[in-house]
Structures are given as structure tokens and as C-alpha cells.
């Protein structure tokens, strides 16, 4: 009895070539990762969930008193202006909005 396998490897050659290029030029791969992270972040914001999938905590009563809109992060859209940047062999995603720290870490009211 004889068993013969004919394995086509053309697709593996293409994948290995693309992988080799990604290693040689990591900024291309990192840029693609940055775009994916940006899209994922925007989707999470639209759903109102944290990176771990848990729903955002409701706004505090003191915050609700000062806001025109009752929606989290939708007062004027500043907190939704995320960008990514490729830095060497890293990709960084974030926002320059100063209020982001309060959304991420919370606040300690003075009273």
C-alpha cells in the first residue's frame, strides 16, 4: 500500500515573502496595527465599553450637573479624536485631550 501527498506551497512562499518584508520594514506592519487599534477603539467608544468589554461606569452626579449632553464623551467630541503614531519599533495610540486622564483614572472631588 502506498500513500502519496502532493502539497502545494505557492501560498506559503507568498506569506513568507510578506513576512520577510514586514520584518525588514516594521513601520508598514506597525502602521497597519495602528489603523486596526484605532478602529477597535472607535468601535468600543460607540458601544460604551472598556478595553476588557465591561460597560463604562455612569457619569457622576457632579459631572452630570456641568454637562450639556448626558452621553459619555460626546459633549463636543474632543475625547474621540484619537490618533496613532509609529515610533521606531512601537505603535502608540492615544489622544492629546487633557480630559482623557479623568475619564481613564477618574476624579477625586474636592469635597
N, C-alpha and C. Protein backbone atom coordinates (compact mmCIF):
# COMPACT_ATOMS: atom_id res chain seq x y z
N UNK A 1 0.84 -1.17 0.00
CA UNK A 1 0.00 0.00 0.00
C UNK A 1 0.89 1.24 0.00
N UNK A 2 0.50 2.22 -0.77
CA UNK A 2 1.29 3.44 -0.89
C UNK A 2 0.35 4.64 -0.77
N UNK A 3 0.77 5.63 0.01
CA UNK A 3 0.02 6.87 0.15
C UNK A 3 0.90 7.99 -0.36
N UNK A 4 0.34 8.81 -1.22
CA UNK A 4 1.11 9.91 -1.80
C UNK A 4 0.42 11.22 -1.47
N UNK A 5 1.20 12.17 -0.97
CA UNK A 5 0.70 13.51 -0.67
C UNK A 5 1.34 14.49 -1.63
N UNK A 6 0.54 15.32 -2.22
CA UNK A 6 1.04 16.39 -3.09
C UNK A 6 0.67 17.70 -2.41
N UNK A 7 1.65 18.38 -1.87
CA UNK A 7 1.40 19.60 -1.11
C UNK A 7 1.78 20.81 -1.95
N UNK A 8 0.82 21.70 -2.11
CA UNK A 8 1.06 22.94 -2.84
C UNK A 8 1.57 23.99 -1.86
N UNK A 9 2.71 24.57 -2.14
CA UNK A 9 3.32 25.53 -1.21
C UNK A 9 3.40 26.94 -1.78
N UNK A 10 2.75 27.18 -2.92
CA UNK A 10 2.83 28.52 -3.51
C UNK A 10 2.38 29.60 -2.54
N UNK A 11 1.28 29.34 -1.83
CA UNK A 11 0.78 30.34 -0.88
C UNK A 11 1.75 30.55 0.28
N UNK A 12 2.46 29.52 0.67
CA UNK A 12 3.44 29.67 1.75
C UNK A 12 4.60 30.56 1.31
N UNK A 13 5.01 30.43 0.08
CA UNK A 13 6.08 31.29 -0.44
C UNK A 13 5.65 32.76 -0.39
N UNK A 14 4.40 33.04 -0.75
CA UNK A 14 3.89 34.41 -0.73
C UNK A 14 3.83 34.94 0.71
N UNK A 15 3.33 34.11 1.61
CA UNK A 15 3.22 34.51 3.01
C UNK A 15 4.61 34.77 3.60
N UNK A 16 5.56 33.90 3.31
CA UNK A 16 6.91 34.08 3.83
C UNK A 16 7.56 35.33 3.26
N UNK A 17 7.28 35.64 2.01
CA UNK A 17 7.81 36.85 1.40
C UNK A 17 7.24 38.09 2.08
N UNK A 18 5.93 38.08 2.34
CA UNK A 18 5.30 39.22 3.02
C UNK A 18 5.81 39.35 4.45
N UNK A 19 5.99 38.23 5.13
CA UNK A 19 6.53 38.26 6.49
C UNK A 19 7.94 38.82 6.50
N UNK A 20 8.74 38.42 5.55
CA UNK A 20 10.11 38.92 5.44
C UNK A 20 10.12 40.43 5.23
N UNK A 21 9.21 40.92 4.39
CA UNK A 21 9.13 42.37 4.16
C UNK A 21 8.67 43.09 5.42
N UNK A 22 7.74 42.49 6.17
CA UNK A 22 7.26 43.11 7.41
C UNK A 22 8.37 43.24 8.43
N UNK A 23 9.24 42.25 8.48
CA UNK A 23 10.37 42.29 9.42
C UNK A 23 11.39 43.33 8.96
N UNK A 24 11.61 43.40 7.65
CA UNK A 24 12.59 44.35 7.11
C UNK A 24 12.09 45.78 7.22
N UNK A 25 10.77 45.98 7.10
CA UNK A 25 10.17 47.31 7.16
C UNK A 25 9.04 47.31 8.18
N UNK A 26 9.36 47.28 9.49
CA UNK A 26 8.32 47.13 10.51
C UNK A 26 7.32 48.28 10.54
N UNK A 27 7.69 49.46 10.04
CA UNK A 27 6.76 50.58 10.09
C UNK A 27 5.49 50.30 9.28
N UNK A 28 5.59 49.47 8.24
CA UNK A 28 4.40 49.12 7.46
C UNK A 28 3.43 48.28 8.29
N UNK A 29 3.97 47.27 8.95
CA UNK A 29 3.15 46.41 9.80
C UNK A 29 2.60 47.20 10.99
N UNK A 30 3.45 48.02 11.61
CA UNK A 30 3.01 48.80 12.76
C UNK A 30 1.93 49.81 12.37
N UNK A 31 2.04 50.39 11.20
CA UNK A 31 1.01 51.31 10.72
C UNK A 31 -0.32 50.60 10.54
N UNK A 32 -0.28 49.39 10.02
CA UNK A 32 -1.49 48.59 9.86
C UNK A 32 -2.09 48.25 11.22
N UNK A 33 -1.22 47.92 12.18
CA UNK A 33 -1.69 47.63 13.53
C UNK A 33 -2.31 48.88 14.15
N UNK A 34 -1.70 50.04 13.92
CA UNK A 34 -2.24 51.29 14.44
C UNK A 34 -3.63 51.57 13.90
N UNK A 35 -3.83 51.35 12.60
CA UNK A 35 -5.15 51.53 11.99
C UNK A 35 -6.17 50.59 12.63
N UNK A 36 -5.77 49.33 12.83
CA UNK A 36 -6.68 48.35 13.45
C UNK A 36 -7.04 48.74 14.87
N UNK A 37 -6.04 49.17 15.65
CA UNK A 37 -6.30 49.60 17.02
C UNK A 37 -7.19 50.83 17.06
N UNK A 38 -6.98 51.75 16.15
CA UNK A 38 -7.80 52.95 16.07
C UNK A 38 -9.25 52.58 15.79
N UNK A 39 -9.47 51.69 14.82
CA UNK A 39 -10.83 51.24 14.50
C UNK A 39 -11.48 50.52 15.68
N UNK A 40 -10.72 49.66 16.34
CA UNK A 40 -11.24 48.94 17.51
C UNK A 40 -11.62 49.92 18.62
N UNK A 41 -10.78 50.90 18.84
CA UNK A 41 -11.05 51.90 19.87
C UNK A 41 -12.32 52.68 19.55
N UNK A 42 -12.49 53.07 18.30
CA UNK A 42 -13.69 53.80 17.89
C UNK A 42 -14.94 52.93 18.06
N UNK A 43 -14.84 51.65 17.73
CA UNK A 43 -15.97 50.74 17.93
C UNK A 43 -16.34 50.62 19.40
N UNK A 44 -15.33 50.50 20.26
CA UNK A 44 -15.60 50.41 21.70
C UNK A 44 -16.26 51.66 22.22
N UNK A 45 -15.80 52.84 21.75
CA UNK A 45 -16.42 54.08 22.19
C UNK A 45 -17.88 54.15 21.76
N UNK A 46 -18.17 53.71 20.56
CA UNK A 46 -19.55 53.72 20.07
C UNK A 46 -20.43 52.81 20.93
N UNK A 47 -19.85 51.71 21.45
CA UNK A 47 -20.60 50.78 22.30
C UNK A 47 -20.58 51.17 23.77
N UNK A 48 -19.67 52.08 24.15
CA UNK A 48 -19.56 52.49 25.55
C UNK A 48 -18.97 51.42 26.44
N UNK A 49 -17.95 50.73 25.94
CA UNK A 49 -17.33 49.68 26.74
C UNK A 49 -15.83 49.91 26.87
N UNK A 50 -15.28 49.40 27.97
CA UNK A 50 -13.85 49.48 28.26
C UNK A 50 -13.10 48.44 27.43
N UNK A 51 -11.76 48.51 27.40
CA UNK A 51 -10.99 47.52 26.65
C UNK A 51 -11.28 46.07 27.05
N UNK A 52 -11.67 45.84 28.30
CA UNK A 52 -11.98 44.47 28.72
C UNK A 52 -13.42 44.07 28.42
N UNK A 53 -14.18 44.97 27.78
CA UNK A 53 -15.56 44.66 27.38
C UNK A 53 -16.62 45.04 28.39
N UNK A 54 -16.20 45.52 29.56
CA UNK A 54 -17.19 45.92 30.56
C UNK A 54 -17.77 47.29 30.21
N UNK A 55 -19.05 47.51 30.54
CA UNK A 55 -19.65 48.82 30.23
C UNK A 55 -18.99 49.93 31.04
N UNK A 56 -18.97 51.12 30.46
CA UNK A 56 -18.45 52.27 31.18
C UNK A 56 -19.31 52.54 32.41
N UNK A 57 -18.67 53.07 33.44
CA UNK A 57 -19.41 53.47 34.63
C UNK A 57 -20.24 54.70 34.27
N UNK A 58 -21.41 54.85 34.89
CA UNK A 58 -22.23 56.03 34.61
C UNK A 58 -21.53 57.30 35.09
N UNK A 59 -21.91 58.41 34.51
CA UNK A 59 -21.34 59.69 34.93
C UNK A 59 -21.77 60.01 36.35
N UNK A 60 -20.87 60.65 37.09
CA UNK A 60 -21.18 61.03 38.47
C UNK A 60 -22.19 62.17 38.47
N UNK A 61 -22.92 62.34 39.56
CA UNK A 61 -23.88 63.44 39.65
C UNK A 61 -23.22 64.81 39.44
N UNK A 62 -22.01 64.99 39.98
CA UNK A 62 -21.34 66.29 39.81
C UNK A 62 -20.98 66.54 38.35
N UNK A 63 -20.61 65.50 37.63
CA UNK A 63 -20.31 65.65 36.20
C UNK A 63 -21.59 65.96 35.42
N UNK A 64 -22.67 65.26 35.75
CA UNK A 64 -23.93 65.49 35.05
C UNK A 64 -24.44 66.92 35.22
N UNK A 65 -24.13 67.55 36.35
CA UNK A 65 -24.56 68.93 36.59
C UNK A 65 -23.87 69.91 35.65
N UNK A 66 -22.68 69.58 35.19
CA UNK A 66 -21.92 70.53 34.37
C UNK A 66 -22.01 70.25 32.88
N UNK A 67 -22.57 69.12 32.48
CA UNK A 67 -22.60 68.75 31.07
C UNK A 67 -23.90 69.19 30.40
N UNK A 68 -23.78 69.55 29.13
CA UNK A 68 -24.97 69.82 28.32
C UNK A 68 -25.56 68.50 27.83
N UNK A 69 -24.68 67.56 27.48
CA UNK A 69 -25.11 66.25 26.98
C UNK A 69 -24.94 65.23 28.09
N UNK A 70 -25.83 64.29 28.15
CA UNK A 70 -25.74 63.24 29.17
C UNK A 70 -24.95 62.03 28.67
N UNK A 71 -24.54 62.05 27.41
CA UNK A 71 -23.77 60.94 26.85
C UNK A 71 -22.30 61.09 27.23
N UNK A 72 -21.68 59.97 27.57
CA UNK A 72 -20.27 59.97 27.95
C UNK A 72 -19.42 60.23 26.72
N UNK A 73 -18.50 61.16 26.84
CA UNK A 73 -17.53 61.52 25.80
C UNK A 73 -18.12 62.23 24.59
N UNK A 74 -19.37 62.65 24.64
CA UNK A 74 -19.99 63.25 23.47
C UNK A 74 -20.37 64.72 23.67
N UNK A 75 -19.75 65.39 24.62
CA UNK A 75 -20.05 66.81 24.81
C UNK A 75 -19.73 67.60 23.54
N UNK A 76 -18.50 67.49 23.10
CA UNK A 76 -18.11 68.17 21.85
C UNK A 76 -17.21 67.29 20.98
N UNK A 77 -16.98 66.06 21.37
CA UNK A 77 -16.22 65.12 20.55
C UNK A 77 -14.72 65.14 20.75
N UNK A 78 -14.22 66.01 21.64
CA UNK A 78 -12.77 66.11 21.85
C UNK A 78 -12.15 64.78 22.26
N UNK A 79 -12.85 64.05 23.11
CA UNK A 79 -12.30 62.80 23.63
C UNK A 79 -12.30 61.68 22.60
N UNK A 80 -12.92 61.91 21.46
CA UNK A 80 -12.98 60.88 20.42
C UNK A 80 -11.94 61.09 19.33
N UNK A 81 -11.13 62.10 19.49
CA UNK A 81 -10.10 62.39 18.48
C UNK A 81 -8.81 61.65 18.82
N UNK A 82 -8.82 60.37 18.51
CA UNK A 82 -7.65 59.52 18.74
C UNK A 82 -6.79 59.47 17.50
N UNK A 83 -5.53 59.23 17.71
CA UNK A 83 -4.61 59.04 16.59
C UNK A 83 -3.57 58.02 17.02
N UNK A 84 -2.86 57.51 16.05
CA UNK A 84 -1.76 56.60 16.38
C UNK A 84 -0.50 57.14 15.72
N UNK A 85 0.62 56.70 16.26
CA UNK A 85 1.91 57.13 15.73
C UNK A 85 2.88 55.96 15.83
N UNK A 86 3.59 55.72 14.75
CA UNK A 86 4.63 54.70 14.74
C UNK A 86 5.92 55.37 15.20
N UNK A 87 6.50 54.82 16.27
CA UNK A 87 7.75 55.35 16.83
C UNK A 87 8.77 54.23 16.89
N UNK A 88 9.67 54.21 15.92
CA UNK A 88 10.67 53.14 15.88
C UNK A 88 10.02 51.80 15.66
N UNK A 89 10.11 50.94 16.64
CA UNK A 89 9.51 49.62 16.53
C UNK A 89 8.29 49.48 17.43
N UNK A 90 7.63 50.61 17.69
CA UNK A 90 6.43 50.63 18.52
C UNK A 90 5.35 51.44 17.83
N UNK A 91 4.11 51.15 18.19
CA UNK A 91 2.98 51.96 17.75
C UNK A 91 2.27 52.46 19.01
N UNK A 92 1.97 53.74 19.05
CA UNK A 92 1.34 54.36 20.21
C UNK A 92 0.00 54.92 19.75
N UNK A 93 -1.05 54.64 20.52
CA UNK A 93 -2.37 55.18 20.22
C UNK A 93 -2.83 55.97 21.42
N UNK A 94 -3.46 57.11 21.18
CA UNK A 94 -3.93 57.92 22.29
C UNK A 94 -4.58 59.20 21.81
N UNK A 95 -4.83 60.07 22.77
CA UNK A 95 -5.44 61.36 22.49
C UNK A 95 -4.63 62.42 23.24
N UNK A 96 -4.62 63.61 22.70
CA UNK A 96 -3.93 64.72 23.37
C UNK A 96 -4.87 65.51 24.26
N UNK A 97 -6.13 65.10 24.34
CA UNK A 97 -7.10 65.84 25.14
C UNK A 97 -6.79 65.70 26.62
N UNK A 98 -6.65 66.81 27.31
CA UNK A 98 -6.27 66.80 28.73
C UNK A 98 -7.31 66.11 29.60
N UNK A 99 -8.57 66.04 29.15
CA UNK A 99 -9.63 65.43 29.95
C UNK A 99 -9.56 63.90 29.96
N UNK A 100 -8.75 63.32 29.07
CA UNK A 100 -8.67 61.87 28.97
C UNK A 100 -8.22 61.23 30.29
N UNK A 101 -7.36 61.91 31.00
CA UNK A 101 -6.88 61.36 32.27
C UNK A 101 -8.02 61.16 33.27
N UNK A 102 -9.00 62.06 33.26
CA UNK A 102 -10.12 61.94 34.19
C UNK A 102 -11.05 60.79 33.79
N UNK A 103 -11.23 60.61 32.49
CA UNK A 103 -12.05 59.50 32.03
C UNK A 103 -11.38 58.17 32.36
N UNK A 104 -10.09 58.12 32.19
CA UNK A 104 -9.36 56.88 32.40
C UNK A 104 -9.17 56.55 33.88
N UNK A 105 -8.76 57.56 34.67
CA UNK A 105 -8.41 57.32 36.07
C UNK A 105 -9.48 57.77 37.06
N UNK A 106 -10.49 58.53 36.60
CA UNK A 106 -11.50 59.07 37.50
C UNK A 106 -11.03 60.38 38.11
N UNK A 107 -11.88 60.92 38.96
CA UNK A 107 -11.57 62.18 39.63
C UNK A 107 -11.78 62.03 41.12
N UNK A 108 -11.18 62.90 41.85
CA UNK A 108 -11.40 62.97 43.29
C UNK A 108 -12.01 64.34 43.59
N UNK A 109 -13.34 64.39 43.78
CA UNK A 109 -13.96 65.69 44.06
C UNK A 109 -13.34 66.34 45.28
N UNK A 110 -13.24 67.68 45.29
CA UNK A 110 -12.58 68.39 46.41
C UNK A 110 -13.39 68.38 47.70
N UNK A 111 -14.60 67.90 47.69
CA UNK A 111 -15.43 67.91 48.91
C UNK A 111 -15.71 66.53 49.39
